[in-house]
Amino acid sequence: MYNSAQGYNDNVVCVARESVYKFMETVIDDIVEMHTEAGVPLEFFHTGGDEVPNGVWTKSPLCSKLMETLPEFKDPKNLQSYFLRRVVELVAKKNLKIGDGRKWH
């Protein structure tokens, strides 16, 4: 169990679900389309996710299974990096740079 900075215990996606990345791709596509329609250039996409609380994914069978295939991730809290890496790949396909709240990549 975990509590976020906002006091929630159910506000973090499961990084082991492929549907999360399909959702992210849909959101990115829609935002790119809105910017294009408005004639406003879009250069950066902010991912959020820099406030993932400790304890997220700890008891997730899907995340445990994912970590078995990713030996570099020995602790569920490190799956945040996995999520960011996957999203970086998605935004790169749209020729965007990514921000995670701390720095731009």
PDB file of N, CA and C in Angstrom:
ATOM      1  N   MET A   1       0.840  -1.170   0.000  1.00  0.00           N
ATOM      2  CA  MET A   1       0.000   0.000   0.000  1.00  0.00           C
ATOM      3  C   MET A   1       0.892   1.242   0.000  1.00  0.00           C
ATOM      4  N   TYR A   2       0.423   2.289  -0.594  1.00  0.00           N
ATOM      5  CA  TYR A   2       1.183   3.527  -0.660  1.00  0.00           C
ATOM      6  C   TYR A   2       0.232   4.705  -0.539  1.00  0.00           C
ATOM      7  N   ASN A   3       0.774   5.849  -0.245  1.00  0.00           N
ATOM      8  CA  ASN A   3       0.036   7.105  -0.278  1.00  0.00           C
ATOM      9  C   ASN A   3       0.846   8.111  -1.070  1.00  0.00           C
ATOM     10  N   SER A   4       0.181   8.763  -2.015  1.00  0.00           N
ATOM     11  CA  SER A   4       0.857   9.761  -2.834  1.00  0.00           C
ATOM     12  C   SER A   4       0.980  11.071  -2.070  1.00  0.00           C
ATOM     13  N   ALA A   5       1.702  12.014  -2.653  1.00  0.00           N
ATOM     14  CA  ALA A   5       1.842  13.340  -2.048  1.00  0.00           C
ATOM     15  C   ALA A   5       0.482  14.009  -1.891  1.00  0.00           C
ATOM     16  N   GLN A   6      -0.478  13.602  -2.729  1.00  0.00           N
ATOM     17  CA  GLN A   6      -1.823  14.168  -2.681  1.00  0.00           C
ATOM     18  C   GLN A   6      -2.743  13.375  -1.755  1.00  0.00           C
ATOM     19  N   GLY A   7      -2.231  12.293  -1.140  1.00  0.00           N
ATOM     20  CA  GLY A   7      -3.010  11.506  -0.200  1.00  0.00           C
ATOM     21  C   GLY A   7      -3.807  10.373  -0.826  1.00  0.00           C
ATOM     22  N   TYR A   8      -3.512  10.028  -2.080  1.00  0.00           N
ATOM     23  CA  TYR A   8      -4.220   8.929  -2.746  1.00  0.00           C
ATOM     24  C   TYR A   8      -3.447   7.626  -2.622  1.00  0.00           C
ATOM     25  N   ASN A   9      -4.172   6.508  -2.741  1.00  0.00           N
ATOM     26  CA  ASN A   9      -3.505   5.209  -2.727  1.00  0.00           C
ATOM     27  C   ASN A   9      -3.844   4.394  -3.970  1.00  0.00           C
ATOM     28  N   ASP A  10      -4.345   5.075  -4.992  1.00  0.00           N
ATOM     29  CA  ASP A  10      -4.721   4.366  -6.217  1.00  0.00           C
ATOM     30  C   ASP A  10      -4.577   5.241  -7.455  1.00  0.00           C
ATOM     31  N   ASN A  11      -3.586   6.097  -7.494  1.00  0.00           N
ATOM     32  CA  ASN A  11      -3.492   7.068  -8.589  1.00  0.00           C
ATOM     33  C   ASN A  11      -2.282   6.870  -9.500  1.00  0.00           C
ATOM     34  N   VAL A  12      -1.727   5.661  -9.523  1.00  0.00           N
ATOM     35  CA  VAL A  12      -0.545   5.401 -10.343  1.00  0.00           C
ATOM     36  C   VAL A  12      -0.862   4.241 -11.290  1.00  0.00           C
ATOM     37  N   VAL A  13      -0.535   4.417 -12.562  1.00  0.00           N
ATOM     38  CA  VAL A  13      -0.781   3.356 -13.544  1.00  0.00           C
ATOM     39  C   VAL A  13       0.167   2.185 -13.309  1.00  0.00           C
ATOM     40  N   CYS A  14      -0.219   1.044 -13.797  1.00  0.00           N
ATOM     41  CA  CYS A  14       0.642  -0.141 -13.723  1.00  0.00           C
ATOM     42  C   CYS A  14       1.554  -0.145 -14.943  1.00  0.00           C
ATOM     43  N   VAL A  15       2.831   0.084 -14.715  1.00  0.00           N
ATOM     44  CA  VAL A  15       3.794   0.195 -15.815  1.00  0.00           C
ATOM     45  C   VAL A  15       3.996  -1.115 -16.570  1.00  0.00           C
ATOM     46  N   ALA A  16       3.470  -2.204 -16.039  1.00  0.00           N
ATOM     47  CA  ALA A  16       3.620  -3.499 -16.695  1.00  0.00           C
ATOM     48  C   ALA A  16       2.502  -3.786 -17.698  1.00  0.00           C
ATOM     49  N   ARG A  17       1.500  -2.939 -17.745  1.00  0.00           N
ATOM     50  CA  ARG A  17       0.382  -3.137 -18.675  1.00  0.00           C
ATOM     51  C   ARG A  17       0.662  -2.434 -19.994  1.00  0.00           C
ATOM     52  N   GLU A  18       0.621  -3.167 -21.081  1.00  0.00           N
ATOM     53  CA  GLU A  18       0.832  -2.561 -22.398  1.00  0.00           C
ATOM     54  C   GLU A  18      -0.237  -1.522 -22.714  1.00  0.00           C
ATOM     55  N   SER A  19      -1.423  -1.688 -22.150  1.00  0.00           N
ATOM     56  CA  SER A  19      -2.497  -0.722 -22.395  1.00  0.00           C
ATOM     57  C   SER A  19      -2.127   0.674 -21.906  1.00  0.00           C
ATOM     58  N   VAL A  20      -1.257   0.775 -20.919  1.00  0.00           N
ATOM     59  CA  VAL A  20      -0.788   2.074 -20.428  1.00  0.00           C
ATOM     60  C   VAL A  20      -0.052   2.821 -21.543  1.00  0.00           C
ATOM     61  N   TYR A  21       0.755   2.105 -22.300  1.00  0.00           N
ATOM     62  CA  TYR A  21       1.543   2.738 -23.353  1.00  0.00           C
ATOM     63  C   TYR A  21       0.681   3.057 -24.573  1.00  0.00           C
ATOM     64  N   LYS A  22      -0.332   2.258 -24.801  1.00  0.00           N
ATOM     65  CA  LYS A  22      -1.297   2.579 -25.863  1.00  0.00           C
ATOM     66  C   LYS A  22      -2.070   3.842 -25.477  1.00  0.00           C
ATOM     67  N   PHE A  23      -2.458   3.945 -24.221  1.00  0.00           N
ATOM     68  CA  PHE A  23      -3.135   5.142 -23.717  1.00  0.00           C
ATOM     69  C   PHE A  23      -2.229   6.361 -23.868  1.00  0.00           C
ATOM     70  N   MET A  24      -0.976   6.226 -23.453  1.00  0.00           N
ATOM     71  CA  MET A  24      -0.032   7.345 -23.563  1.00  0.00           C
ATOM     72  C   MET A  24       0.138   7.763 -25.019  1.00  0.00           C
ATOM     73  N   GLU A  25       0.240   6.792 -25.906  1.00  0.00           N
ATOM     74  CA  GLU A  25       0.381   7.099 -27.328  1.00  0.00           C
ATOM     75  C   GLU A  25      -0.838   7.861 -27.847  1.00  0.00           C
ATOM     76  N   THR A  26      -2.022   7.452 -27.421  1.00  0.00           N
ATOM     77  CA  THR A  26      -3.256   8.136 -27.819  1.00  0.00           C
ATOM     78  C   THR A  26      -3.274   9.569 -27.302  1.00  0.00           C
ATOM     79  N   VAL A  27      -2.885   9.759 -26.053  1.00  0.00           N
ATOM     80  CA  VAL A  27      -2.838  11.110 -25.468  1.00  0.00           C
ATOM     81  C   VAL A  27      -1.835  11.977 -26.225  1.00  0.00           C
ATOM     82  N   ILE A  28      -0.661  11.454 -26.475  1.00  0.00           N
ATOM     83  CA  ILE A  28       0.373  12.205 -27.204  1.00  0.00           C
ATOM     84  C   ILE A  28      -0.129  12.574 -28.586  1.00  0.00           C
ATOM     85  N   ASP A  29      -0.709  11.610 -29.295  1.00  0.00           N
ATOM     86  CA  ASP A  29      -1.248  11.885 -30.632  1.00  0.00           C
ATOM     87  C   ASP A  29      -2.300  12.983 -30.592  1.00  0.00           C
ATOM     88  N   ASP A  30      -3.195  12.926 -29.617  1.00  0.00           N
ATOM     89  CA  ASP A  30      -4.259  13.928 -29.512  1.00  0.00           C
ATOM     90  C   ASP A  30      -3.701  15.320 -29.210  1.00  0.00           C
ATOM     91  N   ILE A  31      -2.712  15.386 -28.341  1.00  0.00           N
ATOM     92  CA  ILE A  31      -2.112  16.689 -28.008  1.00  0.00           C
ATOM     93  C   ILE A  31      -1.370  17.257 -29.210  1.00  0.00           C
ATOM     94  N   VAL A  32      -0.643  16.406 -29.922  1.00  0.00           N
ATOM     95  CA  VAL A  32       0.049  16.853 -31.142  1.00  0.00           C
ATOM     96  C   VAL A  32      -0.974  17.383 -32.139  1.00  0.00           C
ATOM     97  N   GLU A  33      -2.075  16.663 -32.308  1.00  0.00           N
ATOM     98  CA  GLU A  33      -3.117  17.081 -33.245  1.00  0.00           C
ATOM     99  C   GLU A  33      -3.730  18.432 -32.846  1.00  0.00           C
ATOM    100  N   MET A  34      -3.988  18.623 -31.557  1.00  0.00           N
ATOM    101  CA  MET A  34      -4.549  19.900 -31.095  1.00  0.00           C
ATOM    102  C   MET A  34      -3.591  21.056 -31.379  1.00  0.00           C
ATOM    103  N   HIS A  35      -2.315  20.833 -31.130  1.00  0.00           N
ATOM    104  CA  HIS A  35      -1.330  21.882 -31.390  1.00  0.00           C
ATOM    105  C   HIS A  35      -1.233  22.187 -32.876  1.00  0.00           C
ATOM    106  N   THR A  36      -1.273  21.141 -33.693  1.00  0.00           N
ATOM    107  CA  THR A  36      -1.220  21.324 -35.144  1.00  0.00           C
ATOM    108  C   THR A  36      -2.430  22.120 -35.623  1.00  0.00           C
ATOM    109  N   GLU A  37      -3.631  21.740 -35.164  1.00  0.00           N
ATOM    110  CA  GLU A  37      -4.851  22.451 -35.561  1.00  0.00           C
ATOM    111  C   GLU A  37      -4.825  23.910 -35.128  1.00  0.00           C
ATOM    112  N   ALA A  38      -4.226  24.172 -33.973  1.00  0.00           N
ATOM    113  CA  ALA A  38      -4.174  25.542 -33.453  1.00  0.00           C
ATOM    114  C   ALA A  38      -3.027  26.341 -34.061  1.00  0.00           C
ATOM    115  N   GLY A  39      -2.140  25.673 -34.800  1.00  0.00           N
ATOM    116  CA  GLY A  39      -0.995  26.364 -35.379  1.00  0.00           C
ATOM    117  C   GLY A  39       0.031  26.773 -34.335  1.00  0.00           C
ATOM    118  N   VAL A  40       0.058  26.035 -33.231  1.00  0.00           N
ATOM    119  CA  VAL A  40       0.994  26.327 -32.136  1.00  0.00           C
ATOM    120  C   VAL A  40       2.043  25.224 -32.104  1.00  0.00           C
ATOM    121  N   PRO A  41       3.295  25.574 -32.332  1.00  0.00           N
ATOM    122  CA  PRO A  41       4.340  24.543 -32.349  1.00  0.00           C
ATOM    123  C   PRO A  41       4.440  23.830 -30.999  1.00  0.00           C
ATOM    124  N   LEU A  42       4.684  22.553 -31.053  1.00  0.00           N
ATOM    125  CA  LEU A  42       4.874  21.746 -29.847  1.00  0.00           C
ATOM    126  C   LEU A  42       6.268  21.141 -29.925  1.00  0.00           C
ATOM    127  N   GLU A  43       7.087  21.483 -28.953  1.00  0.00           N
ATOM    128  CA  GLU A  43       8.463  20.987 -28.944  1.00  0.00           C
ATOM    129  C   GLU A  43       8.721  20.021 -27.797  1.00  0.00           C
ATOM    130  N   PHE A  44       8.066  20.252 -26.648  1.00  0.00           N
ATOM    131  CA  PHE A  44       8.288  19.452 -25.449  1.00  0.00           C
ATOM    132  C   PHE A  44       6.999  18.786 -24.995  1.00  0.00           C
ATOM    133  N   PHE A  45       7.129  17.617 -24.425  1.00  0.00           N
ATOM    134  CA  PHE A  45       6.010  16.904 -23.814  1.00  0.00           C
ATOM    135  C   PHE A  45       6.425  16.556 -22.399  1.00  0.00           C
ATOM    136  N   HIS A  46       5.626  16.980 -21.422  1.00  0.00           N
ATOM    137  CA  HIS A  46       5.927  16.715 -20.014  1.00  0.00           C
ATOM    138  C   HIS A  46       5.229  15.432 -19.581  1.00  0.00           C
ATOM    139  N   THR A  47       5.969  14.499 -19.027  1.00  0.00           N
ATOM    140  CA  THR A  47       5.410  13.202 -18.664  1.00  0.00           C
ATOM    141  C   THR A  47       4.740  13.174 -17.308  1.00  0.00           C
ATOM    142  N   GLY A  48       5.116  14.082 -16.413  1.00  0.00           N
ATOM    143  CA  GLY A  48       4.670  13.910 -15.039  1.00  0.00           C
ATOM    144  C   GLY A  48       5.342  12.672 -14.475  1.00  0.00           C
ATOM    145  N   GLY A  49       4.769  12.110 -13.442  1.00  0.00           N
ATOM    146  CA  GLY A  49       5.307  10.865 -12.895  1.00  0.00           C
ATOM    147  C   GLY A  49       6.552  11.029 -12.056  1.00  0.00           C
ATOM    148  N   ASP A  50       6.928  12.268 -11.735  1.00  0.00           N
ATOM    149  CA  ASP A  50       8.133  12.451 -10.934  1.00  0.00           C
ATOM    150  C   ASP A  50       7.816  12.404  -9.440  1.00  0.00           C
ATOM    151  N   GLU A  51       6.570  12.125  -9.081  1.00  0.00           N
ATOM    152  CA  GLU A  51       6.177  12.028  -7.674  1.00  0.00           C
ATOM    153  C   GLU A  51       5.621  10.642  -7.356  1.00  0.00           C
ATOM    154  N   VAL A  52       6.167   9.612  -7.972  1.00  0.00           N
ATOM    155  CA  VAL A  52       5.675   8.262  -7.716  1.00  0.00           C
ATOM    156  C   VAL A  52       6.064   7.873  -6.295  1.00  0.00           C
ATOM    157  N   PRO A  53       5.072   7.561  -5.457  1.00  0.00           N
ATOM    158  CA  PRO A  53       5.370   7.255  -4.059  1.00  0.00           C
ATOM    159  C   PRO A  53       6.000   5.874  -3.870  1.00  0.00           C
ATOM    160  N   ASN A  54       6.726   5.739  -2.780  1.00  0.00           N
ATOM    161  CA  ASN A  54       7.295   4.437  -2.422  1.00  0.00           C
ATOM    162  C   ASN A  54       6.163   3.453  -2.171  1.00  0.00           C
ATOM    163  N   GLY A  55       6.366   2.228  -2.583  1.00  0.00           N
ATOM    164  CA  GLY A  55       5.377   1.176  -2.356  1.00  0.00           C
ATOM    165  C   GLY A  55       4.536   0.863  -3.568  1.00  0.00           C
ATOM    166  N   VAL A  56       4.556   1.754  -4.566  1.00  0.00           N
ATOM    167  CA  VAL A  56       3.806   1.493  -5.788  1.00  0.00           C
ATOM    168  C   VAL A  56       4.432   0.290  -6.483  1.00  0.00           C
ATOM    169  N   TRP A  57       3.605  -0.568  -7.003  1.00  0.00           N
ATOM    170  CA  TRP A  57       4.010  -1.746  -7.788  1.00  0.00           C
ATOM    171  C   TRP A  57       4.643  -2.856  -6.945  1.00  0.00           C
ATOM    172  N   THR A  58       4.826  -2.647  -5.642  1.00  0.00           N
ATOM    173  CA  THR A  58       5.506  -3.636  -4.800  1.00  0.00           C
ATOM    174  C   THR A  58       4.777  -4.975  -4.778  1.00  0.00           C
ATOM    175  N   LYS A  59       3.455  -4.941  -4.718  1.00  0.00           N
ATOM    176  CA  LYS A  59       2.691  -6.191  -4.622  1.00  0.00           C
ATOM    177  C   LYS A  59       2.020  -6.568  -5.940  1.00  0.00           C
ATOM    178  N   SER A  60       2.439  -5.947  -7.021  1.00  0.00           N
ATOM    179  CA  SER A  60       1.824  -6.218  -8.315  1.00  0.00           C
ATOM    180  C   SER A  60       2.425  -7.468  -8.956  1.00  0.00           C
ATOM    181  N   PRO A  61       1.599  -8.491  -9.198  1.00  0.00           N
ATOM    182  CA  PRO A  61       2.107  -9.678  -9.891  1.00  0.00           C
ATOM    183  C   PRO A  61       2.596  -9.343 -11.304  1.00  0.00           C
ATOM    184  N   LEU A  62       1.921  -8.403 -11.975  1.00  0.00           N
ATOM    185  CA  LEU A  62       2.355  -8.016 -13.321  1.00  0.00           C
ATOM    186  C   LEU A  62       3.731  -7.365 -13.286  1.00  0.00           C
ATOM    187  N   CYS A  63       3.964  -6.510 -12.307  1.00  0.00           N
ATOM    188  CA  CYS A  63       5.269  -5.847 -12.206  1.00  0.00           C
ATOM    189  C   CYS A  63       6.358  -6.838 -11.809  1.00  0.00           C
ATOM    190  N   SER A  64       6.030  -7.781 -10.939  1.00  0.00           N
ATOM    191  CA  SER A  64       7.006  -8.820 -10.564  1.00  0.00           C
ATOM    192  C   SER A  64       7.409  -9.628 -11.783  1.00  0.00           C
ATOM    193  N   LYS A  65       6.420  -9.978 -12.601  1.00  0.00           N
ATOM    194  CA  LYS A  65       6.702 -10.730 -13.823  1.00  0.00           C
ATOM    195  C   LYS A  65       7.553  -9.912 -14.791  1.00  0.00           C
ATOM    196  N   LEU A  66       7.235  -8.610 -14.928  1.00  0.00           N
ATOM    197  CA  LEU A  66       8.019  -7.731 -15.789  1.00  0.00           C
ATOM    198  C   LEU A  66       9.460  -7.651 -15.310  1.00  0.00           C
ATOM    199  N   MET A  67       9.652  -7.517 -14.008  1.00  0.00           N
ATOM    200  CA  MET A  67      11.007  -7.401 -13.464  1.00  0.00           C
ATOM    201  C   MET A  67      11.825  -8.668 -13.702  1.00  0.00           C
ATOM    202  N   GLU A  68      11.171  -9.811 -13.817  1.00  0.00           N
ATOM    203  CA  GLU A  68      11.892 -11.050 -14.139  1.00  0.00           C
ATOM    204  C   GLU A  68      12.541 -10.968 -15.513  1.00  0.00           C
ATOM    205  N   THR A  69      11.938 -10.183 -16.410  1.00  0.00           N
ATOM    206  CA  THR A  69      12.484 -10.044 -17.764  1.00  0.00           C
ATOM    207  C   THR A  69      13.440  -8.866 -17.875  1.00  0.00           C
ATOM    208  N   LEU A  70      13.536  -8.065 -16.820  1.00  0.00           N
ATOM    209  CA  LEU A  70      14.385  -6.873 -16.818  1.00  0.00           C
ATOM    210  C   LEU A  70      15.327  -6.929 -15.614  1.00  0.00           C
ATOM    211  N   PRO A  71      16.419  -7.665 -15.710  1.00  0.00           N
ATOM    212  CA  PRO A  71      17.281  -7.837 -14.538  1.00  0.00           C
ATOM    213  C   PRO A  71      17.881  -6.543 -13.997  1.00  0.00           C
ATOM    214  N   GLU A  72      17.903  -5.488 -14.806  1.00  0.00           N
ATOM    215  CA  GLU A  72      18.449  -4.217 -14.314  1.00  0.00           C
ATOM    216  C   GLU A  72      17.519  -3.536 -13.311  1.00  0.00           C
ATOM    217  N   PHE A  73      16.279  -4.000 -13.213  1.00  0.00           N
ATOM    218  CA  PHE A  73      15.316  -3.434 -12.267  1.00  0.00           C
ATOM    219  C   PHE A  73      15.111  -4.422 -11.126  1.00  0.00           C
ATOM    220  N   LYS A  74      15.827  -4.203 -10.049  1.00  0.00           N
ATOM    221  CA  LYS A  74      15.789  -5.123  -8.918  1.00  0.00           C
ATOM    222  C   LYS A  74      14.766  -4.709  -7.864  1.00  0.00           C
ATOM    223  N   ASP A  75      14.233  -3.516  -7.989  1.00  0.00           N
ATOM    224  CA  ASP A  75      13.281  -2.992  -7.005  1.00  0.00           C
ATOM    225  C   ASP A  75      12.119  -2.363  -7.769  1.00  0.00           C
ATOM    226  N   PRO A  76      10.875  -2.631  -7.349  1.00  0.00           N
ATOM    227  CA  PRO A  76       9.730  -2.061  -8.072  1.00  0.00           C
ATOM    228  C   PRO A  76       9.774  -0.539  -8.217  1.00  0.00           C
ATOM    229  N   LYS A  77      10.351   0.169  -7.259  1.00  0.00           N
ATOM    230  CA  LYS A  77      10.389   1.629  -7.365  1.00  0.00           C
ATOM    231  C   LYS A  77      11.206   2.083  -8.583  1.00  0.00           C
ATOM    232  N   ASN A  78      12.106   1.226  -9.053  1.00  0.00           N
ATOM    233  CA  ASN A  78      12.913   1.575 -10.218  1.00  0.00           C
ATOM    234  C   ASN A  78      12.155   1.428 -11.532  1.00  0.00           C
ATOM    235  N   LEU A  79      10.950   0.872 -11.482  1.00  0.00           N
ATOM    236  CA  LEU A  79      10.150   0.736 -12.694  1.00  0.00           C
ATOM    237  C   LEU A  79       9.693   2.086 -13.229  1.00  0.00           C
ATOM    238  N   GLN A  80       9.797   3.112 -12.418  1.00  0.00           N
ATOM    239  CA  GLN A  80       9.515   4.469 -12.898  1.00  0.00           C
ATOM    240  C   GLN A  80      10.439   4.795 -14.072  1.00  0.00           C
ATOM    241  N   SER A  81      11.686   4.367 -13.993  1.00  0.00           N
ATOM    242  CA  SER A  81      12.645   4.578 -15.084  1.00  0.00           C
ATOM    243  C   SER A  81      12.233   3.809 -16.326  1.00  0.00           C
ATOM    244  N   TYR A  82      11.703   2.615 -16.128  1.00  0.00           N
ATOM    245  CA  TYR A  82      11.210   1.817 -17.250  1.00  0.00           C
ATOM    246  C   TYR A  82      10.071   2.556 -17.961  1.00  0.00           C
ATOM    247  N   PHE A  83       9.132   3.073 -17.174  1.00  0.00           N
ATOM    248  CA  PHE A  83       8.015   3.835 -17.731  1.00  0.00           C
ATOM    249  C   PHE A  83       8.530   5.030 -18.528  1.00  0.00           C
ATOM    250  N   LEU A  84       9.430   5.790 -17.940  1.00  0.00           N
ATOM    251  CA  LEU A  84       9.958   6.974 -18.613  1.00  0.00           C
ATOM    252  C   LEU A  84      10.657   6.595 -19.916  1.00  0.00           C
ATOM    253  N   ARG A  85      11.422   5.529 -19.893  1.00  0.00           N
ATOM    254  CA  ARG A  85      12.114   5.073 -21.108  1.00  0.00           C
ATOM    255  C   ARG A  85      11.109   4.743 -22.212  1.00  0.00           C
ATOM    256  N   ARG A  86      10.038   4.061 -21.860  1.00  0.00           N
ATOM    257  CA  ARG A  86       9.010   3.712 -22.846  1.00  0.00           C
ATOM    258  C   ARG A  86       8.330   4.962 -23.403  1.00  0.00           C
ATOM    259  N   VAL A  87       8.043   5.929 -22.535  1.00  0.00           N
ATOM    260  CA  VAL A  87       7.375   7.154 -22.989  1.00  0.00           C
ATOM    261  C   VAL A  87       8.329   8.006 -23.826  1.00  0.00           C
ATOM    262  N   VAL A  88       9.597   8.034 -23.482  1.00  0.00           N
ATOM    263  CA  VAL A  88      10.587   8.745 -24.291  1.00  0.00           C
ATOM    264  C   VAL A  88      10.562   8.210 -25.717  1.00  0.00           C
ATOM    265  N   GLU A  89      10.462   6.900 -25.864  1.00  0.00           N
ATOM    266  CA  GLU A  89      10.387   6.298 -27.202  1.00  0.00           C
ATOM    267  C   GLU A  89       9.134   6.771 -27.947  1.00  0.00           C
ATOM    268  N   LEU A  90       8.015   6.872 -27.240  1.00  0.00           N
ATOM    269  CA  LEU A  90       6.770   7.314 -27.878  1.00  0.00           C
ATOM    270  C   LEU A  90       6.852   8.755 -28.352  1.00  0.00           C
ATOM    271  N   VAL A  91       7.375   9.640 -27.520  1.00  0.00           N
ATOM    272  CA  VAL A  91       7.423  11.055 -27.916  1.00  0.00           C
ATOM    273  C   VAL A  91       8.494  11.291 -28.976  1.00  0.00           C
ATOM    274  N   ALA A  92       9.551  10.480 -28.967  1.00  0.00           N
ATOM    275  CA  ALA A  92      10.592  10.626 -29.986  1.00  0.00           C
ATOM    276  C   ALA A  92      10.024  10.353 -31.376  1.00  0.00           C
ATOM    277  N   LYS A  93       9.066   9.437 -31.457  1.00  0.00           N
ATOM    278  CA  LYS A  93       8.420   9.147 -32.745  1.00  0.00           C
ATOM    279  C   LYS A  93       7.682  10.366 -33.291  1.00  0.00           C
ATOM    280  N   LYS A  94       7.336  11.287 -32.420  1.00  0.00           N
ATOM    281  CA  LYS A  94       6.632  12.519 -32.817  1.00  0.00           C
ATOM    282  C   LYS A  94       7.591  13.698 -32.918  1.00  0.00           C
ATOM    283  N   ASN A  95       8.894  13.409 -32.854  1.00  0.00           N
ATOM    284  CA  ASN A  95       9.938  14.453 -32.918  1.00  0.00           C
ATOM    285  C   ASN A  95       9.799  15.475 -31.801  1.00  0.00           C
ATOM    286  N   LEU A  96       9.439  14.999 -30.629  1.00  0.00           N
ATOM    287  CA  LEU A  96       9.314  15.864 -29.458  1.00  0.00           C
ATOM    288  C   LEU A  96      10.423  15.554 -28.469  1.00  0.00           C
ATOM    289  N   LYS A  97      10.732  16.539 -27.638  1.00  0.00           N
ATOM    290  CA  LYS A  97      11.638  16.329 -26.510  1.00  0.00           C
ATOM    291  C   LYS A  97      10.748  16.103 -25.294  1.00  0.00           C
ATOM    292  N   ILE A  98      11.310  15.404 -24.304  1.00  0.00           N
ATOM    293  CA  ILE A  98      10.511  15.064 -23.150  1.00  0.00           C
ATOM    294  C   ILE A  98      11.025  15.760 -21.903  1.00  0.00           C
ATOM    295  N   GLY A  99      10.104  16.122 -21.033  1.00  0.00           N
ATOM    296  CA  GLY A  99      10.449  16.696 -19.736  1.00  0.00           C
ATOM    297  C   GLY A  99       9.841  15.849 -18.649  1.00  0.00           C
ATOM    298  N   ASP A 100      10.540  15.682 -17.560  1.00  0.00           N
ATOM    299  CA  ASP A 100      10.010  14.886 -16.454  1.00  0.00           C
ATOM    300  C   ASP A 100       9.826  15.737 -15.198  1.00  0.00           C
ATOM    301  N   GLY A 101       9.824  17.051 -15.336  1.00  0.00           N
ATOM    302  CA  GLY A 101       9.632  17.912 -14.197  1.00  0.00           C
ATOM    303  C   GLY A 101      10.932  18.402 -13.585  1.00  0.00           C
ATOM    304  N   ARG A 102      12.016  17.715 -13.868  1.00  0.00           N
ATOM    305  CA  ARG A 102      13.301  18.106 -13.296  1.00  0.00           C
ATOM    306  C   ARG A 102      14.267  18.586 -14.357  1.00  0.00           C
ATOM    307  N   LYS A 103      14.223  17.939 -15.504  1.00  0.00           N
ATOM    308  CA  LYS A 103      15.113  18.325 -16.591  1.00  0.00           C
ATOM    309  C   LYS A 103      14.514  17.887 -17.910  1.00  0.00           C
ATOM    310  N   TRP A 104      14.992  18.440 -18.960  1.00  0.00           N
ATOM    311  CA  TRP A 104      14.525  18.091 -20.298  1.00  0.00           C
ATOM    312  C   TRP A 104      15.512  17.141 -20.926  1.00  0.00           C
ATOM    313  N   HIS A 105      15.004  16.130 -21.629  1.00  0.00           N
ATOM    314  CA  HIS A 105      15.842  15.103 -22.259  1.00  0.00           C
ATOM    315  C   HIS A 105      15.888  15.341 -23.750  1.00  0.00           C
TER     316      HIS A 105
END
